[in-house]
Amino acid sequence: MSPITKYSGEAFIVTGVLHTLAGLWNFRRELGAIGRAGIIDSLGTDKERQLAFWFVNNGIIAILLGVFTRWVRSAAPVGCPPFTG
């Protein structure tokens, strides 16, 4: 197993954590405004709030993808398919 394949899940997780932390820090004002507005239906047409939401959301998705990749690599008898890297 190549090092790229061996650590791809961990790389996704680290990237997702850094992405989420950067989003929480850089968009703290927008995320605070979303929280004060009640979270549900608080994005509206505000482009900055939408960007903050999707930036943080994509970091969380990268973390979940990394966890899933690690699980597949450990649970599948042959590992991940070759096209996954």
N, C-alpha and C. Protein backbone atom coordinates (compact mmCIF):
# COMPACT_ATOMS: atom_id res chain seq x y z
N MET A 1 0.85 -1.18 0.00
CA MET A 1 0.00 0.00 0.00
C MET A 1 0.90 1.24 0.00
N SER A 2 0.63 2.13 -0.93
CA SER A 2 1.46 3.33 -1.03
C SER A 2 1.15 4.29 0.12
N PRO A 3 2.10 5.17 0.46
CA PRO A 3 1.85 6.13 1.54
C PRO A 3 0.66 7.05 1.26
N ILE A 4 0.43 7.36 -0.01
CA ILE A 4 -0.70 8.22 -0.35
C ILE A 4 -2.01 7.52 0.02
N THR A 5 -2.12 6.25 -0.35
CA THR A 5 -3.33 5.48 -0.03
C THR A 5 -3.42 5.22 1.46
N LYS A 6 -2.30 4.96 2.08
CA LYS A 6 -2.28 4.62 3.50
C LYS A 6 -2.78 5.76 4.37
N TYR A 7 -2.43 6.99 4.01
CA TYR A 7 -2.78 8.13 4.85
C TYR A 7 -3.80 9.07 4.23
N SER A 8 -4.53 8.62 3.22
CA SER A 8 -5.51 9.50 2.57
C SER A 8 -6.64 9.89 3.52
N GLY A 9 -7.11 8.98 4.34
CA GLY A 9 -8.16 9.31 5.31
C GLY A 9 -7.71 10.34 6.31
N GLU A 10 -6.50 10.15 6.82
CA GLU A 10 -5.95 11.11 7.78
C GLU A 10 -5.75 12.47 7.14
N ALA A 11 -5.34 12.48 5.87
CA ALA A 11 -5.15 13.75 5.17
C ALA A 11 -6.48 14.48 5.01
N PHE A 12 -7.54 13.75 4.69
CA PHE A 12 -8.87 14.36 4.61
C PHE A 12 -9.28 14.95 5.96
N ILE A 13 -9.04 14.21 7.02
CA ILE A 13 -9.43 14.66 8.36
C ILE A 13 -8.66 15.92 8.75
N VAL A 14 -7.35 15.92 8.55
CA VAL A 14 -6.54 17.10 8.89
C VAL A 14 -6.96 18.30 8.06
N THR A 15 -7.16 18.07 6.76
CA THR A 15 -7.61 19.17 5.89
C THR A 15 -8.96 19.70 6.34
N GLY A 16 -9.88 18.81 6.69
CA GLY A 16 -11.20 19.23 7.14
C GLY A 16 -11.15 20.01 8.44
N VAL A 17 -10.32 19.55 9.37
CA VAL A 17 -10.20 20.26 10.65
C VAL A 17 -9.62 21.66 10.43
N LEU A 18 -8.57 21.75 9.63
CA LEU A 18 -7.97 23.07 9.35
C LEU A 18 -8.95 23.97 8.61
N HIS A 19 -9.68 23.40 7.67
CA HIS A 19 -10.67 24.17 6.90
C HIS A 19 -11.76 24.70 7.83
N THR A 20 -12.24 23.84 8.72
CA THR A 20 -13.30 24.24 9.65
C THR A 20 -12.79 25.30 10.62
N LEU A 21 -11.61 25.10 11.17
CA LEU A 21 -11.05 26.08 12.10
C LEU A 21 -10.82 27.43 11.42
N ALA A 22 -10.31 27.40 10.19
CA ALA A 22 -10.10 28.65 9.45
C ALA A 22 -11.44 29.34 9.20
N GLY A 23 -12.46 28.56 8.86
CA GLY A 23 -13.78 29.13 8.64
C GLY A 23 -14.38 29.71 9.89
N LEU A 24 -14.25 29.00 11.02
CA LEU A 24 -14.78 29.51 12.28
C LEU A 24 -14.08 30.81 12.67
N TRP A 25 -12.78 30.90 12.43
CA TRP A 25 -12.04 32.10 12.79
C TRP A 25 -12.34 33.25 11.82
N ASN A 26 -12.25 33.00 10.54
CA ASN A 26 -12.40 34.06 9.55
C ASN A 26 -13.83 34.58 9.42
N PHE A 27 -14.80 33.71 9.71
CA PHE A 27 -16.20 34.09 9.56
C PHE A 27 -16.90 34.20 10.92
N ARG A 28 -16.17 34.50 11.97
CA ARG A 28 -16.76 34.54 13.30
C ARG A 28 -17.89 35.57 13.41
N ARG A 29 -17.76 36.71 12.74
CA ARG A 29 -18.82 37.72 12.80
C ARG A 29 -20.09 37.22 12.10
N GLU A 30 -19.90 36.65 10.92
CA GLU A 30 -21.05 36.14 10.16
C GLU A 30 -21.72 34.97 10.89
N LEU A 31 -20.90 34.07 11.45
CA LEU A 31 -21.47 32.92 12.17
C LEU A 31 -22.18 33.38 13.44
N GLY A 32 -21.64 34.41 14.08
CA GLY A 32 -22.32 34.99 15.24
C GLY A 32 -23.66 35.58 14.85
N ALA A 33 -23.70 36.27 13.71
CA ALA A 33 -24.96 36.84 13.23
C ALA A 33 -25.96 35.74 12.88
N ILE A 34 -25.48 34.64 12.32
CA ILE A 34 -26.36 33.50 12.02
C ILE A 34 -26.93 32.95 13.32
N GLY A 35 -26.09 32.79 14.33
CA GLY A 35 -26.55 32.29 15.62
C GLY A 35 -27.55 33.22 16.28
N ARG A 36 -27.31 34.52 16.23
CA ARG A 36 -28.24 35.48 16.83
C ARG A 36 -29.56 35.54 16.08
N ALA A 37 -29.53 35.23 14.78
CA ALA A 37 -30.76 35.28 13.97
C ALA A 37 -31.60 34.02 14.14
N GLY A 38 -31.08 33.03 14.84
CA GLY A 38 -31.88 31.84 15.12
C GLY A 38 -31.56 30.63 14.28
N ILE A 39 -30.47 30.63 13.56
CA ILE A 39 -29.94 29.53 12.76
C ILE A 39 -30.88 29.10 11.63
N ILE A 40 -32.11 28.71 11.93
CA ILE A 40 -33.03 28.25 10.89
C ILE A 40 -33.47 29.44 10.04
N ASP A 41 -33.28 29.33 8.75
CA ASP A 41 -33.67 30.37 7.79
C ASP A 41 -33.01 31.71 8.08
N SER A 42 -31.76 31.67 8.54
CA SER A 42 -31.08 32.92 8.88
C SER A 42 -30.08 33.35 7.82
N LEU A 43 -29.88 32.55 6.76
CA LEU A 43 -28.92 32.93 5.72
C LEU A 43 -29.52 33.95 4.77
N GLY A 44 -30.76 33.72 4.38
CA GLY A 44 -31.44 34.64 3.48
C GLY A 44 -30.64 34.87 2.21
N THR A 45 -30.55 36.12 1.80
CA THR A 45 -29.81 36.46 0.58
C THR A 45 -28.45 37.08 0.89
N ASP A 46 -28.04 37.03 2.16
CA ASP A 46 -26.75 37.59 2.57
C ASP A 46 -25.62 36.67 2.09
N LYS A 47 -24.86 37.15 1.13
CA LYS A 47 -23.80 36.33 0.51
C LYS A 47 -22.70 35.97 1.51
N GLU A 48 -22.38 36.87 2.44
CA GLU A 48 -21.35 36.57 3.43
C GLU A 48 -21.78 35.45 4.37
N ARG A 49 -23.03 35.47 4.78
CA ARG A 49 -23.53 34.39 5.64
C ARG A 49 -23.56 33.07 4.89
N GLN A 50 -23.97 33.11 3.64
CA GLN A 50 -23.99 31.88 2.84
C GLN A 50 -22.59 31.32 2.66
N LEU A 51 -21.62 32.20 2.40
CA LEU A 51 -20.23 31.77 2.24
C LEU A 51 -19.71 31.15 3.53
N ALA A 52 -20.00 31.79 4.65
CA ALA A 52 -19.54 31.26 5.95
C ALA A 52 -20.13 29.88 6.21
N PHE A 53 -21.42 29.73 5.95
CA PHE A 53 -22.09 28.45 6.18
C PHE A 53 -21.46 27.35 5.34
N TRP A 54 -21.31 27.60 4.04
CA TRP A 54 -20.80 26.56 3.15
C TRP A 54 -19.32 26.30 3.37
N PHE A 55 -18.56 27.30 3.75
CA PHE A 55 -17.14 27.09 4.02
C PHE A 55 -16.96 26.14 5.20
N VAL A 56 -17.66 26.41 6.30
CA VAL A 56 -17.56 25.54 7.48
C VAL A 56 -18.17 24.17 7.18
N ASN A 57 -19.28 24.15 6.48
CA ASN A 57 -19.94 22.89 6.14
C ASN A 57 -19.02 21.98 5.31
N ASN A 58 -18.29 22.54 4.37
CA ASN A 58 -17.38 21.73 3.55
C ASN A 58 -16.23 21.17 4.37
N GLY A 59 -15.78 21.89 5.38
CA GLY A 59 -14.76 21.34 6.27
C GLY A 59 -15.28 20.13 7.03
N ILE A 60 -16.50 20.22 7.50
CA ILE A 60 -17.12 19.09 8.21
C ILE A 60 -17.30 17.90 7.28
N ILE A 61 -17.70 18.16 6.05
CA ILE A 61 -17.85 17.08 5.07
C ILE A 61 -16.50 16.41 4.80
N ALA A 62 -15.42 17.18 4.73
CA ALA A 62 -14.09 16.59 4.52
C ALA A 62 -13.70 15.70 5.69
N ILE A 63 -14.04 16.11 6.91
CA ILE A 63 -13.76 15.27 8.08
C ILE A 63 -14.52 13.96 7.98
N LEU A 64 -15.81 14.04 7.66
CA LEU A 64 -16.62 12.82 7.52
C LEU A 64 -16.10 11.92 6.40
N LEU A 65 -15.66 12.51 5.30
CA LEU A 65 -15.09 11.73 4.21
C LEU A 65 -13.82 11.02 4.66
N GLY A 66 -13.01 11.69 5.45
CA GLY A 66 -11.80 11.06 5.98
C GLY A 66 -12.10 9.91 6.91
N VAL A 67 -13.09 10.08 7.77
CA VAL A 67 -13.50 8.99 8.67
C VAL A 67 -14.03 7.82 7.87
N PHE A 68 -14.84 8.11 6.86
CA PHE A 68 -15.37 7.05 6.01
C PHE A 68 -14.24 6.33 5.26
N THR A 69 -13.28 7.07 4.75
CA THR A 69 -12.14 6.47 4.03
C THR A 69 -11.36 5.55 4.95
N ARG A 70 -11.11 5.98 6.18
CA ARG A 70 -10.40 5.13 7.14
C ARG A 70 -11.20 3.87 7.44
N TRP A 71 -12.52 4.01 7.58
CA TRP A 71 -13.36 2.86 7.87
C TRP A 71 -13.34 1.86 6.71
N VAL A 72 -13.48 2.36 5.49
CA VAL A 72 -13.47 1.48 4.32
C VAL A 72 -12.14 0.76 4.22
N ARG A 73 -11.05 1.49 4.44
CA ARG A 73 -9.73 0.88 4.34
C ARG A 73 -9.54 -0.22 5.37
N SER A 74 -10.11 -0.06 6.56
CA SER A 74 -9.94 -1.08 7.58
C SER A 74 -10.96 -2.21 7.47
N ALA A 75 -12.16 -1.92 6.96
CA ALA A 75 -13.23 -2.92 6.93
C ALA A 75 -13.25 -3.75 5.65
N ALA A 76 -12.86 -3.16 4.55
CA ALA A 76 -12.92 -3.88 3.27
C ALA A 76 -11.72 -4.83 3.18
N PRO A 77 -11.95 -6.05 2.71
CA PRO A 77 -10.85 -7.01 2.65
C PRO A 77 -9.76 -6.62 1.64
N VAL A 78 -10.10 -5.87 0.60
CA VAL A 78 -9.10 -5.50 -0.39
C VAL A 78 -8.74 -4.03 -0.33
N GLY A 79 -9.32 -3.27 0.58
CA GLY A 79 -9.04 -1.86 0.70
C GLY A 79 -9.86 -1.02 -0.25
N CYS A 80 -9.43 0.20 -0.42
CA CYS A 80 -10.15 1.13 -1.30
C CYS A 80 -9.89 0.79 -2.76
N PRO A 81 -10.82 1.13 -3.63
CA PRO A 81 -10.59 0.93 -5.06
C PRO A 81 -9.41 1.80 -5.53
N PRO A 82 -8.67 1.35 -6.55
CA PRO A 82 -7.49 2.08 -6.99
C PRO A 82 -7.77 3.52 -7.44
N PHE A 83 -8.97 3.80 -7.97
CA PHE A 83 -9.24 5.14 -8.47
C PHE A 83 -9.38 6.17 -7.36
N THR A 84 -9.46 5.74 -6.09
CA THR A 84 -9.63 6.70 -4.99
C THR A 84 -8.31 7.33 -4.58
N GLY A 85 -7.22 6.84 -5.07
CA GLY A 85 -5.92 7.43 -4.74
C GLY A 85 -5.29 6.68 -3.64
